[in-house]
Amino acid sequence: MSATLEQAVHAALATVIDPELRRPITELGMVDSVDISGGGRVRLTVLLTIAGCPLRETITADSEKALSAVPGVTAVEVELKVMNQTQRDALKEQLRGAGGQRGIPFNEPGSLTKVFAVASGKGGVGKSSLTVNLACALAAQGLRVGIVDADVYGFSVPGLMGITQAPTRVDDMILPPVAYGVKVISIGMFVTGNQPVAWRGPMLHRALEQFLTDVYFGDLDVLFLDLPPGTGDIAISVAQLLPKAEILVVTTPQAAAAEVAERAGAIATQTGQSVAGVIENMSYLEMPDGGRMELFGSGGGAVLAERLSATVGTDVPLLGQIPLDIVLREGGDTGAPIVVASPETPAAVALNGIAGKLAARPRGLTGLKLGLQPR
């Protein structure tokens, strides 16, 4: 009976997931010891990555819940300790590979992560809101998703996701906060209050590079980059640092907006990137009588897709049209994305439809060694 209980306890601990690394604590070397008394009392010692781990209470609660559900366990006591340097080095090597080498994992030959750079010609078209909602929609489908808020001057993703937690630093490795199943990193997590960021081009490049090298996202299915409007330093840096990133162009139906957005997609002809598609936001307002009011005109997204197809020489589809919805705005203000809070609304349905099209795109196999030998 004792051996059976011990197996059940260890099996239960394997279901406890570290909130930041998204892997079982048993795999991460976080379980230091497990003592089971004759009366079914379990004493668990968990090693935290750092002393000030912001999710220590979550780890404790999840461990207590998992162990309390095991038949035969009468009481649970969780003690938290901190990894020493040797244990942290072993963890980093386990996560990053031999030697814990730094680099951009999404550029590795074996990486299957689809990288989408969400761009727009000008601000105010809802690019960040769409990025957040598409990421949450894909995460709800079971995909592993991350966001890099690359709009250093106008960062907004943490607020749109309701994230107030700072990233955890394990030596030179940064663990991004997780919200709605999406891992997020933003310069807004490193500034005090609403302090502005006033940096020149080289510092912007370095900040983006550090997000891609020092932040541990793990194996992602999809990574979104929320770019600043236009074709400035960050757009060029993304092309240099992530040459296989595909561009998603966001516009409104207005002809003038579509004309400006064309430049954001046409940069692909200079960087060698591809354009994954066009998303038209604020397409129309649904009226109580079932009609539609096109406040910003119509057809801008279709025209943009047609122009970009001619410019880049490949088919650029119009992936979808998102209607105006007050719930979408309210969700951004409260940190509750509409695809999660109100999935039945027309805007959420349209967003989920676009997410489905992105999810259907196969993860890249170009350059991947399959390990097959001819016979």
Protein backbone atom coordinates (compact mmCIF):
# COMPACT_ATOMS: atom_id res chain seq x y z
CA MET A 1 0.00 0.00 0.00
CA SER A 2 2.87 2.38 0.85
CA ALA A 3 4.53 1.80 -2.53
CA THR A 4 1.20 2.32 -4.30
CA LEU A 5 0.58 5.57 -2.42
CA GLU A 6 4.08 6.79 -3.23
CA GLN A 7 3.54 6.13 -6.95
CA ALA A 8 0.20 7.96 -6.84
CA VAL A 9 1.78 10.94 -5.10
CA HIS A 10 4.54 11.24 -7.68
CA ALA A 11 2.01 10.84 -10.49
CA ALA A 12 -0.04 13.69 -8.98
CA LEU A 13 3.02 15.94 -8.77
CA ALA A 14 3.63 15.33 -12.48
CA THR A 15 0.34 17.16 -13.16
CA VAL A 16 1.50 20.33 -11.38
CA ILE A 17 2.59 22.78 -14.09
CA ASP A 18 4.98 25.64 -13.47
CA PRO A 19 2.93 28.76 -14.39
CA GLU A 20 5.80 30.44 -16.22
CA LEU A 21 7.68 27.57 -17.85
CA ARG A 22 4.47 25.64 -18.60
CA ARG A 23 6.07 22.30 -17.84
CA PRO A 24 5.60 19.85 -14.91
CA ILE A 25 7.60 20.73 -11.83
CA THR A 26 8.84 17.12 -11.77
CA GLU A 27 10.55 17.63 -15.15
CA LEU A 28 12.16 20.92 -14.12
CA GLY A 29 13.96 19.59 -11.06
CA MET A 30 11.76 21.65 -8.77
CA VAL A 31 10.73 18.75 -6.52
CA ASP A 32 13.44 18.56 -3.88
CA SER A 33 11.92 15.92 -1.60
CA VAL A 34 8.68 14.07 -0.87
CA ASP A 35 8.11 12.50 2.53
CA ILE A 36 5.03 10.36 3.23
CA SER A 37 4.21 9.43 6.82
CA GLY A 38 2.38 6.29 7.87
CA GLY A 39 -0.86 8.19 8.36
CA GLY A 40 -0.92 9.52 4.80
CA ARG A 41 0.59 12.91 5.63
CA VAL A 42 2.67 14.27 2.73
CA ARG A 43 5.46 16.79 3.18
CA LEU A 44 6.65 18.28 -0.12
CA THR A 45 9.65 20.53 -0.65
CA VAL A 46 9.62 22.57 -3.87
CA LEU A 47 12.59 24.51 -5.22
CA LEU A 48 11.72 27.91 -6.70
CA THR A 49 13.91 29.39 -9.43
CA ILE A 50 14.39 32.63 -7.48
CA ALA A 51 13.63 33.80 -3.96
CA GLY A 52 11.09 36.40 -5.06
CA CYS A 53 9.15 34.13 -7.43
CA PRO A 54 5.88 36.01 -8.02
CA LEU A 55 3.90 32.80 -8.49
CA ARG A 56 5.00 30.99 -5.35
CA GLU A 57 1.45 30.98 -4.01
CA THR A 58 0.12 29.50 -7.26
CA ILE A 59 2.70 26.69 -7.16
CA THR A 60 1.85 26.00 -3.53
CA ALA A 61 -1.90 25.95 -4.14
CA ASP A 62 -1.61 23.75 -7.24
CA SER A 63 0.63 21.28 -5.41
CA GLU A 64 -1.72 21.09 -2.43
CA LYS A 65 -4.72 20.57 -4.71
CA ALA A 66 -3.05 17.81 -6.72
CA LEU A 67 -1.83 15.90 -3.67
CA SER A 68 -5.04 16.30 -1.68
CA ALA A 69 -6.92 14.56 -4.49
CA VAL A 70 -4.82 11.39 -4.09
CA PRO A 71 -6.72 8.62 -2.22
CA GLY A 72 -4.95 7.88 1.05
CA VAL A 73 -3.44 11.33 1.49
CA THR A 74 -4.79 12.85 4.69
CA ALA A 75 -2.79 16.08 4.87
CA VAL A 76 -0.39 18.08 2.71
CA GLU A 77 2.40 20.42 3.76
CA VAL A 78 4.36 22.33 1.12
CA GLU A 79 7.70 23.94 1.93
CA LEU A 80 9.32 26.32 -0.53
CA LYS A 81 13.06 26.65 -0.94
CA VAL A 82 15.22 28.28 -3.62
CA MET A 83 17.49 26.65 -6.20
CA ASN A 84 21.21 27.15 -5.76
CA GLN A 85 23.34 28.35 -8.66
CA THR A 86 24.24 24.82 -9.78
CA GLN A 87 20.58 23.85 -9.91
CA ARG A 88 19.68 27.01 -11.84
CA ASP A 89 22.47 26.34 -14.33
CA ALA A 90 21.16 22.80 -14.81
CA LEU A 91 17.64 24.17 -15.39
CA LYS A 92 18.85 26.70 -17.96
CA GLU A 93 20.82 24.00 -19.77
CA GLN A 94 17.76 21.76 -19.78
CA LEU A 95 15.62 24.53 -21.28
CA ARG A 96 18.12 26.04 -23.71
CA GLY A 97 20.13 22.97 -24.59
CA ALA A 98 23.75 22.01 -23.95
CA GLY A 99 25.71 24.87 -22.49
CA GLY A 100 22.60 27.01 -22.10
CA GLN A 101 23.58 28.90 -25.25
CA ARG A 102 21.83 32.15 -26.07
CA GLY A 103 20.46 32.80 -29.50
CA ILE A 104 17.21 33.30 -31.38
CA PRO A 105 15.56 29.86 -31.22
CA PHE A 106 13.02 30.75 -33.92
CA ASN A 107 15.86 30.92 -36.45
CA GLU A 108 17.16 27.44 -35.66
CA PRO A 109 16.91 24.92 -38.55
CA GLY A 110 14.65 22.70 -36.45
CA SER A 111 12.23 25.43 -35.39
CA LEU A 112 8.66 24.95 -36.59
CA THR A 113 7.31 28.14 -35.02
CA LYS A 114 5.22 30.29 -37.34
CA VAL A 115 6.18 33.92 -36.79
CA PHE A 116 3.71 36.66 -37.74
CA ALA A 117 4.72 40.32 -37.68
CA VAL A 118 1.52 42.36 -37.37
CA ALA A 119 2.00 45.65 -39.20
CA SER A 120 0.02 48.70 -40.21
CA GLY A 121 0.65 51.82 -42.22
CA LYS A 122 -0.53 54.15 -39.46
CA GLY A 123 -1.73 54.04 -35.88
CA GLY A 124 -5.29 53.77 -34.69
CA VAL A 125 -6.39 50.86 -36.89
CA GLY A 126 -6.61 48.38 -33.98
CA LYS A 127 -3.43 46.44 -34.76
CA SER A 128 -2.58 45.66 -31.12
CA SER A 129 -6.14 44.64 -30.25
CA LEU A 130 -6.18 42.24 -33.19
CA THR A 131 -2.78 40.82 -32.22
CA VAL A 132 -3.95 40.08 -28.69
CA ASN A 133 -7.25 38.55 -29.76
CA LEU A 134 -5.72 36.39 -32.48
CA ALA A 135 -3.13 35.11 -30.00
CA CYS A 136 -5.78 34.29 -27.40
CA ALA A 137 -7.98 32.62 -30.02
CA LEU A 138 -5.13 30.36 -31.12
CA ALA A 139 -4.22 29.54 -27.51
CA ALA A 140 -7.86 28.57 -26.88
CA GLN A 141 -7.51 26.09 -29.76
CA GLY A 142 -4.67 24.40 -27.86
CA LEU A 143 -1.71 26.00 -29.62
CA ARG A 144 1.35 27.30 -27.78
CA VAL A 145 1.43 31.03 -28.48
CA GLY A 146 3.64 33.99 -27.59
CA ILE A 147 3.57 37.74 -28.18
CA VAL A 148 6.48 40.15 -28.43
CA ASP A 149 5.22 43.70 -27.99
CA ALA A 150 7.67 45.29 -30.40
CA ASP A 151 5.93 48.67 -30.34
CA VAL A 152 8.48 50.07 -27.89
CA TYR A 153 7.18 53.65 -27.97
CA GLY A 154 3.48 52.78 -27.94
CA PHE A 155 3.43 49.52 -25.98
CA SER A 156 -0.10 48.44 -25.07
CA VAL A 157 -0.19 44.63 -25.02
CA PRO A 158 0.19 44.20 -21.22
CA GLY A 159 -2.83 46.43 -20.61
CA LEU A 160 -4.88 44.70 -23.32
CA MET A 161 -4.07 41.34 -21.70
CA GLY A 162 -4.60 42.52 -18.12
CA ILE A 163 -0.98 41.73 -17.18
CA THR A 164 0.44 43.53 -14.16
CA GLN A 165 3.05 40.93 -13.21
CA ALA A 166 6.70 41.62 -13.97
CA PRO A 167 8.78 38.98 -15.78
CA THR A 168 10.87 36.63 -13.64
CA ARG A 169 14.63 36.74 -14.19
CA VAL A 170 16.70 33.59 -13.72
CA ASP A 171 20.20 34.99 -14.11
CA ASP A 172 20.34 36.06 -17.80
CA MET A 173 17.13 34.22 -18.72
CA ILE A 174 13.77 36.03 -18.61
CA LEU A 175 10.52 34.13 -18.06
CA PRO A 176 7.58 35.96 -19.66
CA PRO A 177 4.25 36.35 -17.82
CA VAL A 178 1.37 34.22 -19.09
CA ALA A 179 -2.22 35.39 -19.60
CA TYR A 180 -5.02 33.41 -21.27
CA GLY A 181 -2.44 30.77 -22.15
CA VAL A 182 -0.28 33.28 -24.06
CA LYS A 183 3.31 34.14 -23.10
CA VAL A 184 3.90 37.90 -23.36
CA ILE A 185 6.92 40.19 -23.20
CA SER A 186 6.85 43.98 -23.51
CA ILE A 187 9.05 46.93 -22.66
CA GLY A 188 6.06 48.13 -20.67
CA MET A 189 6.90 45.46 -18.08
CA PHE A 190 10.23 47.15 -17.37
CA VAL A 191 9.21 50.81 -17.01
CA THR A 192 7.67 52.55 -14.03
CA GLY A 193 4.10 53.74 -14.38
CA ASN A 194 3.36 55.39 -17.70
CA GLN A 195 6.93 56.54 -18.23
CA PRO A 196 7.73 57.20 -21.91
CA VAL A 197 10.51 55.38 -23.73
CA ALA A 198 12.73 57.76 -25.74
CA TRP A 199 15.28 55.64 -27.59
CA ARG A 200 17.07 55.93 -30.92
CA GLY A 201 17.30 53.18 -33.52
CA PRO A 202 20.27 51.16 -32.15
CA MET A 203 18.64 50.86 -28.71
CA LEU A 204 15.37 49.74 -30.28
CA HIS A 205 17.22 47.03 -32.18
CA ARG A 206 19.03 45.90 -29.04
CA ALA A 207 15.80 45.75 -27.03
CA LEU A 208 14.10 43.60 -29.66
CA GLU A 209 17.16 41.37 -29.93
CA GLN A 210 17.19 40.87 -26.16
CA PHE A 211 13.50 39.93 -26.19
CA LEU A 212 14.25 37.24 -28.76
CA THR A 213 17.44 35.88 -27.16
CA ASP A 214 17.02 36.29 -23.40
CA VAL A 215 13.29 35.56 -23.04
CA TYR A 216 12.49 31.87 -22.74
CA PHE A 217 9.30 31.15 -24.69
CA GLY A 218 9.83 27.42 -25.06
CA ASP A 219 8.58 25.57 -28.12
CA LEU A 220 5.87 27.76 -29.61
CA ASP A 221 3.48 26.97 -32.42
CA VAL A 222 2.93 30.66 -33.17
CA LEU A 223 4.77 33.86 -32.23
CA PHE A 224 3.18 37.26 -32.88
CA LEU A 225 5.15 40.49 -33.03
CA ASP A 226 3.07 43.64 -32.55
CA LEU A 227 5.01 46.16 -34.65
CA PRO A 228 4.81 49.94 -34.43
CA PRO A 229 3.04 51.64 -37.35
CA GLY A 230 5.00 52.34 -40.51
CA THR A 231 8.25 51.01 -41.91
CA GLY A 232 10.81 52.34 -39.44
CA ASP A 233 13.63 50.89 -37.38
CA ILE A 234 11.68 48.06 -35.75
CA ALA A 235 10.28 46.76 -39.06
CA ILE A 236 13.82 46.64 -40.44
CA SER A 237 15.16 44.98 -37.27
CA VAL A 238 12.46 42.30 -37.40
CA ALA A 239 13.46 41.50 -40.98
CA GLN A 240 17.09 41.17 -39.88
CA LEU A 241 16.50 39.22 -36.68
CA LEU A 242 13.60 37.05 -37.92
CA PRO A 243 14.00 36.79 -41.70
CA LYS A 244 11.34 34.05 -41.95
CA ALA A 245 8.65 36.14 -40.24
CA GLU A 246 5.49 36.64 -42.29
CA ILE A 247 3.76 40.01 -42.37
CA LEU A 248 0.10 40.45 -41.43
CA VAL A 249 -1.13 43.85 -42.62
CA VAL A 250 -3.98 45.54 -40.74
CA THR A 251 -6.04 48.30 -42.32
CA THR A 252 -9.45 49.94 -42.14
CA PRO A 253 -11.85 50.06 -45.13
CA GLN A 254 -11.00 53.69 -45.86
CA ALA A 255 -9.14 54.08 -49.15
CA ALA A 256 -6.61 56.49 -47.66
CA ALA A 257 -5.80 54.05 -44.83
CA ALA A 258 -5.40 51.15 -47.27
CA GLU A 259 -3.00 53.22 -49.39
CA VAL A 260 -0.80 53.91 -46.37
CA ALA A 261 -1.00 50.27 -45.23
CA GLU A 262 0.25 49.14 -48.63
CA ARG A 263 3.68 50.49 -47.73
CA ALA A 264 3.80 48.35 -44.57
CA GLY A 265 3.28 45.22 -46.65
CA ALA A 266 5.37 46.28 -49.64
CA ILE A 267 8.46 46.39 -47.42
CA ALA A 268 8.55 42.62 -47.98
CA THR A 269 9.95 43.26 -51.45
CA GLN A 270 13.01 44.85 -49.84
CA THR A 271 13.42 42.46 -46.90
CA GLY A 272 12.68 39.18 -48.66
CA GLN A 273 9.80 38.36 -46.32
CA SER A 274 6.38 37.09 -47.33
CA VAL A 275 2.97 38.66 -46.66
CA ALA A 276 0.60 36.23 -44.94
CA GLY A 277 -2.49 38.31 -45.60
CA VAL A 278 -4.56 41.41 -44.96
CA ILE A 279 -7.02 41.98 -42.11
CA GLU A 280 -9.65 44.70 -42.43
CA ASN A 281 -10.66 46.14 -39.06
CA MET A 282 -13.62 48.42 -38.25
CA SER A 283 -15.30 47.17 -41.43
CA TYR A 284 -18.87 48.06 -40.49
CA LEU A 285 -21.26 48.65 -37.63
CA GLU A 286 -24.15 46.23 -37.24
CA MET A 287 -27.43 48.09 -36.77
CA PRO A 288 -30.36 46.94 -34.59
CA ASP A 289 -32.44 46.25 -37.70
CA GLY A 290 -29.79 43.88 -39.06
CA GLY A 291 -28.35 46.35 -41.53
CA ARG A 292 -24.75 47.53 -41.69
CA MET A 293 -23.40 51.06 -41.49
CA GLU A 294 -20.03 51.43 -43.20
CA LEU A 295 -18.61 54.32 -41.20
CA PHE A 296 -15.19 54.20 -42.83
CA GLY A 297 -16.21 53.29 -46.35
CA SER A 298 -15.82 49.86 -47.86
CA GLY A 299 -13.48 47.73 -49.93
CA GLY A 300 -10.18 48.99 -48.55
CA GLY A 301 -9.05 45.55 -47.40
CA ALA A 302 -9.84 43.87 -50.71
CA VAL A 303 -8.10 46.63 -52.66
CA LEU A 304 -5.05 46.39 -50.41
CA ALA A 305 -4.85 42.61 -50.82
CA GLU A 306 -5.05 42.99 -54.60
CA ARG A 307 -2.36 45.66 -54.69
CA LEU A 308 -0.01 43.72 -52.43
CA SER A 309 -0.49 40.58 -54.54
CA ALA A 310 0.69 42.53 -57.57
CA THR A 311 3.55 44.17 -55.66
CA VAL A 312 5.05 41.09 -54.00
CA GLY A 313 4.24 38.71 -56.85
CA THR A 314 2.33 36.15 -54.76
CA ASP A 315 -1.28 35.78 -53.71
CA VAL A 316 -2.02 37.90 -50.63
CA PRO A 317 -5.47 36.96 -49.28
CA LEU A 318 -7.94 39.11 -47.40
CA LEU A 319 -8.13 36.96 -44.26
CA GLY A 320 -11.21 38.59 -42.78
CA GLN A 321 -13.20 41.68 -41.90
CA ILE A 322 -13.77 42.67 -38.27
CA PRO A 323 -16.90 44.72 -37.47
CA LEU A 324 -16.94 47.59 -35.00
CA ASP A 325 -17.99 46.30 -31.58
CA ILE A 326 -18.14 48.20 -28.30
CA VAL A 327 -17.39 44.95 -26.45
CA LEU A 328 -14.06 44.76 -28.28
CA ARG A 329 -13.14 48.20 -26.99
CA GLU A 330 -14.37 47.44 -23.49
CA GLY A 331 -12.37 44.23 -23.40
CA GLY A 332 -9.23 46.15 -24.28
CA ASP A 333 -9.86 48.62 -21.47
CA THR A 334 -10.39 45.88 -18.87
CA GLY A 335 -7.75 43.42 -20.08
CA ALA A 336 -10.33 40.83 -21.18
CA PRO A 337 -9.93 39.99 -24.92
CA ILE A 338 -13.29 39.66 -26.68
CA VAL A 339 -12.54 36.16 -28.01
CA VAL A 340 -12.32 34.99 -24.40
CA ALA A 341 -14.89 37.21 -22.67
CA SER A 342 -17.59 37.29 -25.38
CA PRO A 343 -16.85 34.64 -28.03
CA GLU A 344 -20.42 34.78 -29.38
CA THR A 345 -20.19 38.40 -30.58
CA PRO A 346 -19.78 39.10 -34.34
CA ALA A 347 -16.30 40.58 -33.84
CA ALA A 348 -15.14 37.54 -31.85
CA VAL A 349 -16.57 35.17 -34.45
CA ALA A 350 -14.68 37.03 -37.19
CA LEU A 351 -11.46 36.99 -35.17
CA ASN A 352 -11.79 33.27 -34.48
CA GLY A 353 -12.31 32.72 -38.19
CA ILE A 354 -9.05 34.50 -39.00
CA ALA A 355 -7.26 32.59 -36.24
CA GLY A 356 -8.53 29.36 -37.76
CA LYS A 357 -7.00 30.29 -41.12
CA LEU A 358 -3.66 31.06 -39.47
CA ALA A 359 -3.76 27.81 -37.50
CA ALA A 360 -4.41 25.88 -40.70
CA ARG A 361 -1.14 27.14 -42.19
CA PRO A 362 1.39 24.30 -41.75
CA ARG A 363 4.39 24.78 -39.52
CA GLY A 364 7.42 25.16 -41.75
CA LEU A 365 9.58 22.16 -42.65
CA THR A 366 12.07 23.98 -44.86
CA GLY A 367 15.60 23.07 -43.83
CA LEU A 368 14.42 20.63 -41.14
CA LYS A 369 16.40 17.38 -40.86
CA LEU A 370 13.94 14.52 -40.59
CA GLY A 371 16.49 11.90 -39.60
CA LEU A 372 15.55 9.53 -42.45
CA GLN A 373 18.13 7.33 -44.12
CA PRO A 374 17.74 5.58 -47.51
CA ARG A 375 17.84 1.79 -47.52
